[in-house]
Amino acid sequence: MKEKVAHVEKCVAKKKHVAKKKSLGKSVDKKGKEKSVADARVSNQITEEWVMGVKQYSWKSHIENAKTNATNVMHIPMKISKQCFGEKQDAIKMINIEDWKGYNCVIHRARWNSYEKNIRHGWYEFAKEKKLEAEDVLYFSMSPPEDFMCFHVIKG
């Protein structure tokens, strides 16, 4: 017990974060409604490469704790939205390259006539099943105009 107290005191003195990483789960807002606590922030680094004569786009997404009033979504980079998704595409299958399991997800457009898109329905189930935590990283790859994208999870 004394060791834990000493560790906490050292962290406080160094202004370090003391708590453990927060797993994806639920928190309760002021009205008693459950909200999820994970969100995905997308990196602006998108790589384009030719694989077996097909253009392939890759990007990574960092998992963060969401604010309780935020919606639990995964944002899709604007360039990927423009290059890979059809204008009226409203669904995509996310495929895990480790076990080839697929997750059906719904694509939501942020505004009418906009390339700003995110994945809402299906994302929470996926994140919960994969036990995503803050600091985990997802690597995605996709070739246009496919109705699926592959991903790989790196635990942080």
C-alpha atoms as a PDB file:
ATOM      1  CA  MET A   1       0.000   0.000   0.000  1.00  0.00           C
ATOM      2  CA  LYS A   2       2.837   2.389   0.874  1.00  0.00           C
ATOM      3  CA  GLU A   3       4.413   1.728  -2.542  1.00  0.00           C
ATOM      4  CA  LYS A   4       1.194   2.728  -4.331  1.00  0.00           C
ATOM      5  CA  VAL A   5       0.901   5.916  -2.277  1.00  0.00           C
ATOM      6  CA  ALA A   6       4.547   6.770  -3.000  1.00  0.00           C
ATOM      7  CA  HIS A   7       3.976   6.168  -6.728  1.00  0.00           C
ATOM      8  CA  VAL A   8       0.909   8.425  -6.760  1.00  0.00           C
ATOM      9  CA  GLU A   9       2.785  11.154  -4.874  1.00  0.00           C
ATOM     10  CA  LYS A  10       5.657  10.994  -7.406  1.00  0.00           C
ATOM     11  CA  CYS A  11       3.206  11.243 -10.302  1.00  0.00           C
ATOM     12  CA  VAL A  12       1.419  14.197  -8.717  1.00  0.00           C
ATOM     13  CA  ALA A  13       4.752  15.934  -8.112  1.00  0.00           C
ATOM     14  CA  LYS A  14       5.717  15.390 -11.768  1.00  0.00           C
ATOM     15  CA  LYS A  15       2.177  16.339 -12.916  1.00  0.00           C
ATOM     16  CA  LYS A  16       1.723  12.938 -14.542  1.00  0.00           C
ATOM     17  CA  HIS A  17      -1.576  11.176 -15.101  1.00  0.00           C
ATOM     18  CA  VAL A  18      -2.085   8.612 -12.324  1.00  0.00           C
ATOM     19  CA  ALA A  19      -5.151   6.669 -13.457  1.00  0.00           C
ATOM     20  CA  LYS A  20      -5.102   3.573 -15.611  1.00  0.00           C
ATOM     21  CA  LYS A  21      -6.184   3.633 -19.241  1.00  0.00           C
ATOM     22  CA  LYS A  22      -9.942   3.709 -19.565  1.00  0.00           C
ATOM     23  CA  SER A  23     -11.401   0.758 -21.465  1.00  0.00           C
ATOM     24  CA  LEU A  24     -14.207   1.210 -23.918  1.00  0.00           C
ATOM     25  CA  GLY A  25     -17.363   1.007 -21.940  1.00  0.00           C
ATOM     26  CA  LYS A  26     -20.165   3.219 -20.836  1.00  0.00           C
ATOM     27  CA  SER A  27     -20.488   6.289 -18.706  1.00  0.00           C
ATOM     28  CA  VAL A  28     -23.675   7.869 -17.461  1.00  0.00           C
ATOM     29  CA  ASP A  29     -24.566  11.484 -18.243  1.00  0.00           C
ATOM     30  CA  LYS A  30     -26.570  13.843 -16.012  1.00  0.00           C
ATOM     31  CA  LYS A  31     -29.902  12.487 -17.285  1.00  0.00           C
ATOM     32  CA  GLY A  32     -28.944   8.882 -16.548  1.00  0.00           C
ATOM     33  CA  LYS A  33     -28.432   7.937 -20.200  1.00  0.00           C
ATOM     34  CA  GLU A  34     -25.481   5.718 -21.007  1.00  0.00           C
ATOM     35  CA  LYS A  35     -22.826   7.132 -23.320  1.00  0.00           C
ATOM     36  CA  SER A  36     -19.785   5.382 -24.757  1.00  0.00           C
ATOM     37  CA  VAL A  37     -16.301   6.571 -23.880  1.00  0.00           C
ATOM     38  CA  ALA A  38     -14.216   5.824 -26.979  1.00  0.00           C
ATOM     39  CA  ASP A  39     -13.847   7.850 -30.143  1.00  0.00           C
ATOM     40  CA  ALA A  40     -11.487   7.622 -33.103  1.00  0.00           C
ATOM     41  CA  ARG A  41      -9.291  10.526 -34.211  1.00  0.00           C
ATOM     42  CA  VAL A  42      -7.944  10.206 -37.730  1.00  0.00           C
ATOM     43  CA  SER A  43      -4.383  10.949 -38.739  1.00  0.00           C
ATOM     44  CA  ASN A  44      -3.892  13.247 -41.724  1.00  0.00           C
ATOM     45  CA  GLN A  45      -1.196  10.953 -43.096  1.00  0.00           C
ATOM     46  CA  ILE A  46      -2.685   9.019 -45.982  1.00  0.00           C
ATOM     47  CA  THR A  47      -0.464   6.878 -48.168  1.00  0.00           C
ATOM     48  CA  GLU A  48      -1.225   5.942 -51.756  1.00  0.00           C
ATOM     49  CA  GLU A  49       0.456   2.949 -53.332  1.00  0.00           C
ATOM     50  CA  TRP A  50      -0.057   0.587 -56.227  1.00  0.00           C
ATOM     51  CA  VAL A  51      -0.558  -3.029 -55.142  1.00  0.00           C
ATOM     52  CA  MET A  52      -0.810  -5.569 -57.966  1.00  0.00           C
ATOM     53  CA  GLY A  53      -1.971  -2.887 -60.393  1.00  0.00           C
ATOM     54  CA  VAL A  54      -4.614  -1.431 -58.061  1.00  0.00           C
ATOM     55  CA  LYS A  55      -4.344   1.882 -56.221  1.00  0.00           C
ATOM     56  CA  GLN A  56      -4.601   1.366 -52.469  1.00  0.00           C
ATOM     57  CA  TYR A  57      -5.043   4.010 -49.772  1.00  0.00           C
ATOM     58  CA  SER A  58      -3.860   3.498 -46.186  1.00  0.00           C
ATOM     59  CA  TRP A  59      -4.313   5.603 -43.062  1.00  0.00           C
ATOM     60  CA  LYS A  60      -4.304   5.241 -39.302  1.00  0.00           C
ATOM     61  CA  SER A  61      -6.754   6.227 -36.624  1.00  0.00           C
ATOM     62  CA  HIS A  62      -5.937   6.833 -32.941  1.00  0.00           C
ATOM     63  CA  ILE A  63      -8.490   5.835 -30.306  1.00  0.00           C
ATOM     64  CA  GLU A  64      -9.276   8.468 -27.689  1.00  0.00           C
ATOM     65  CA  ASN A  65     -11.714   8.787 -24.823  1.00  0.00           C
ATOM     66  CA  ALA A  66     -14.724  10.696 -26.035  1.00  0.00           C
ATOM     67  CA  LYS A  67     -16.398  13.440 -24.122  1.00  0.00           C
ATOM     68  CA  THR A  68     -19.660  12.254 -22.624  1.00  0.00           C
ATOM     69  CA  ASN A  69     -21.646  14.575 -24.884  1.00  0.00           C
ATOM     70  CA  ALA A  70     -19.856  13.452 -28.062  1.00  0.00           C
ATOM     71  CA  THR A  71     -21.171  10.839 -30.454  1.00  0.00           C
ATOM     72  CA  ASN A  72     -19.191   7.625 -30.713  1.00  0.00           C
ATOM     73  CA  VAL A  73     -18.005   7.610 -34.344  1.00  0.00           C
ATOM     74  CA  MET A  74     -15.001   6.886 -36.517  1.00  0.00           C
ATOM     75  CA  HIS A  75     -14.141   9.759 -38.826  1.00  0.00           C
ATOM     76  CA  ILE A  76     -13.145   9.035 -42.406  1.00  0.00           C
ATOM     77  CA  PRO A  77     -10.420  11.244 -43.899  1.00  0.00           C
ATOM     78  CA  MET A  78     -11.709  13.682 -46.535  1.00  0.00           C
ATOM     79  CA  LYS A  79      -9.346  12.349 -49.223  1.00  0.00           C
ATOM     80  CA  ILE A  80     -10.503   8.760 -48.598  1.00  0.00           C
ATOM     81  CA  SER A  81     -14.112   9.912 -48.709  1.00  0.00           C
ATOM     82  CA  LYS A  82     -13.557  11.600 -52.080  1.00  0.00           C
ATOM     83  CA  GLN A  83     -11.408   8.899 -53.691  1.00  0.00           C
ATOM     84  CA  CYS A  84     -12.827   5.636 -52.325  1.00  0.00           C
ATOM     85  CA  PHE A  85     -16.474   6.068 -51.429  1.00  0.00           C
ATOM     86  CA  GLY A  86     -19.253   6.428 -53.949  1.00  0.00           C
ATOM     87  CA  GLU A  87     -21.330   9.586 -53.700  1.00  0.00           C
ATOM     88  CA  LYS A  88     -24.365   7.698 -52.432  1.00  0.00           C
ATOM     89  CA  GLN A  89     -22.554   4.869 -50.613  1.00  0.00           C
ATOM     90  CA  ASP A  90     -24.170   4.410 -47.220  1.00  0.00           C
ATOM     91  CA  ALA A  91     -22.624   1.162 -45.933  1.00  0.00           C
ATOM     92  CA  ILE A  92     -19.239  -0.503 -45.690  1.00  0.00           C
ATOM     93  CA  LYS A  93     -17.862  -3.722 -44.291  1.00  0.00           C
ATOM     94  CA  MET A  94     -14.791  -3.466 -42.047  1.00  0.00           C
ATOM     95  CA  ILE A  95     -12.681  -6.645 -42.268  1.00  0.00           C
ATOM     96  CA  ASN A  96     -10.122  -7.596 -39.624  1.00  0.00           C
ATOM     97  CA  ILE A  97      -7.020  -8.969 -41.381  1.00  0.00           C
ATOM     98  CA  GLU A  98      -6.094 -11.075 -38.330  1.00  0.00           C
ATOM     99  CA  ASP A  99      -9.184 -13.315 -38.279  1.00  0.00           C
ATOM    100  CA  TRP A 100     -11.039 -12.142 -41.443  1.00  0.00           C
ATOM    101  CA  LYS A 101     -14.123 -11.306 -39.408  1.00  0.00           C
ATOM    102  CA  GLY A 102     -16.321  -8.628 -40.974  1.00  0.00           C
ATOM    103  CA  TYR A 103     -18.313  -5.831 -39.321  1.00  0.00           C
ATOM    104  CA  ASN A 104     -21.194  -4.193 -41.204  1.00  0.00           C
ATOM    105  CA  CYS A 105     -21.178  -0.438 -40.640  1.00  0.00           C
ATOM    106  CA  VAL A 106     -23.326   2.472 -41.789  1.00  0.00           C
ATOM    107  CA  ILE A 107     -21.678   5.532 -43.334  1.00  0.00           C
ATOM    108  CA  HIS A 108     -23.119   8.854 -42.254  1.00  0.00           C
ATOM    109  CA  ARG A 109     -22.563  12.087 -44.149  1.00  0.00           C
ATOM    110  CA  ALA A 110     -21.956  15.019 -41.792  1.00  0.00           C
ATOM    111  CA  ARG A 111     -23.797  17.494 -44.023  1.00  0.00           C
ATOM    112  CA  TRP A 112     -25.862  17.208 -47.145  1.00  0.00           C
ATOM    113  CA  ASN A 113     -23.720  17.318 -50.289  1.00  0.00           C
ATOM    114  CA  SER A 114     -20.517  16.978 -48.238  1.00  0.00           C
ATOM    115  CA  TYR A 115     -17.515  14.656 -48.397  1.00  0.00           C
ATOM    116  CA  GLU A 116     -17.191  14.775 -44.611  1.00  0.00           C
ATOM    117  CA  LYS A 117     -18.221  11.259 -43.543  1.00  0.00           C
ATOM    118  CA  ASN A 118     -18.036   9.039 -40.492  1.00  0.00           C
ATOM    119  CA  ILE A 119     -19.017   5.559 -39.414  1.00  0.00           C
ATOM    120  CA  ARG A 120     -21.643   5.446 -36.697  1.00  0.00           C
ATOM    121  CA  HIS A 121     -23.798   2.320 -36.624  1.00  0.00           C
ATOM    122  CA  GLY A 122     -21.624  -0.750 -36.243  1.00  0.00           C
ATOM    123  CA  TRP A 123     -18.656   1.205 -34.857  1.00  0.00           C
ATOM    124  CA  TYR A 124     -19.670   0.822 -31.204  1.00  0.00           C
ATOM    125  CA  GLU A 125     -20.205  -2.937 -31.526  1.00  0.00           C
ATOM    126  CA  PHE A 126     -16.851  -3.264 -33.278  1.00  0.00           C
ATOM    127  CA  ALA A 127     -15.010  -1.163 -30.672  1.00  0.00           C
ATOM    128  CA  LYS A 128     -16.627  -3.041 -27.804  1.00  0.00           C
ATOM    129  CA  GLU A 129     -15.831  -6.464 -29.261  1.00  0.00           C
ATOM    130  CA  LYS A 130     -12.200  -5.505 -29.973  1.00  0.00           C
ATOM    131  CA  LYS A 131     -11.902  -3.980 -26.462  1.00  0.00           C
ATOM    132  CA  LEU A 132     -10.424  -0.768 -27.831  1.00  0.00           C
ATOM    133  CA  GLU A 133      -8.803   1.519 -25.288  1.00  0.00           C
ATOM    134  CA  ALA A 134      -7.381   5.007 -25.397  1.00  0.00           C
ATOM    135  CA  GLU A 135      -3.999   5.021 -27.179  1.00  0.00           C
ATOM    136  CA  ASP A 136      -4.822   2.003 -29.393  1.00  0.00           C
ATOM    137  CA  VAL A 137      -4.190   2.541 -33.107  1.00  0.00           C
ATOM    138  CA  LEU A 138      -6.191   1.201 -36.055  1.00  0.00           C
ATOM    139  CA  TYR A 139      -4.523   0.863 -39.456  1.00  0.00           C
ATOM    140  CA  PHE A 140      -6.892   0.910 -42.445  1.00  0.00           C
ATOM    141  CA  SER A 141      -6.434   0.136 -46.131  1.00  0.00           C
ATOM    142  CA  MET A 142      -8.921   0.441 -48.958  1.00  0.00           C
ATOM    143  CA  SER A 143      -8.992   0.351 -52.744  1.00  0.00           C
ATOM    144  CA  PRO A 144     -11.625   2.321 -54.644  1.00  0.00           C
ATOM    145  CA  PRO A 145     -14.450   1.640 -55.416  1.00  0.00           C
ATOM    146  CA  GLU A 146     -14.832  -1.252 -52.964  1.00  0.00           C
ATOM    147  CA  ASP A 147     -17.578  -1.792 -50.409  1.00  0.00           C
ATOM    148  CA  PHE A 148     -15.139  -3.029 -47.762  1.00  0.00           C
ATOM    149  CA  MET A 149     -11.991  -1.845 -46.020  1.00  0.00           C
ATOM    150  CA  CYS A 150      -9.385  -3.875 -44.158  1.00  0.00           C
ATOM    151  CA  PHE A 151      -8.021  -2.959 -40.743  1.00  0.00           C
ATOM    152  CA  HIS A 152      -5.473  -4.043 -38.161  1.00  0.00           C
ATOM    153  CA  VAL A 153      -5.509  -3.127 -34.444  1.00  0.00           C
ATOM    154  CA  ILE A 154      -2.296  -2.249 -32.573  1.00  0.00           C
ATOM    155  CA  LYS A 155      -2.839  -2.159 -28.818  1.00  0.00           C
ATOM    156  CA  GLY A 156      -1.330   0.925 -27.148  1.00  0.00           C
END
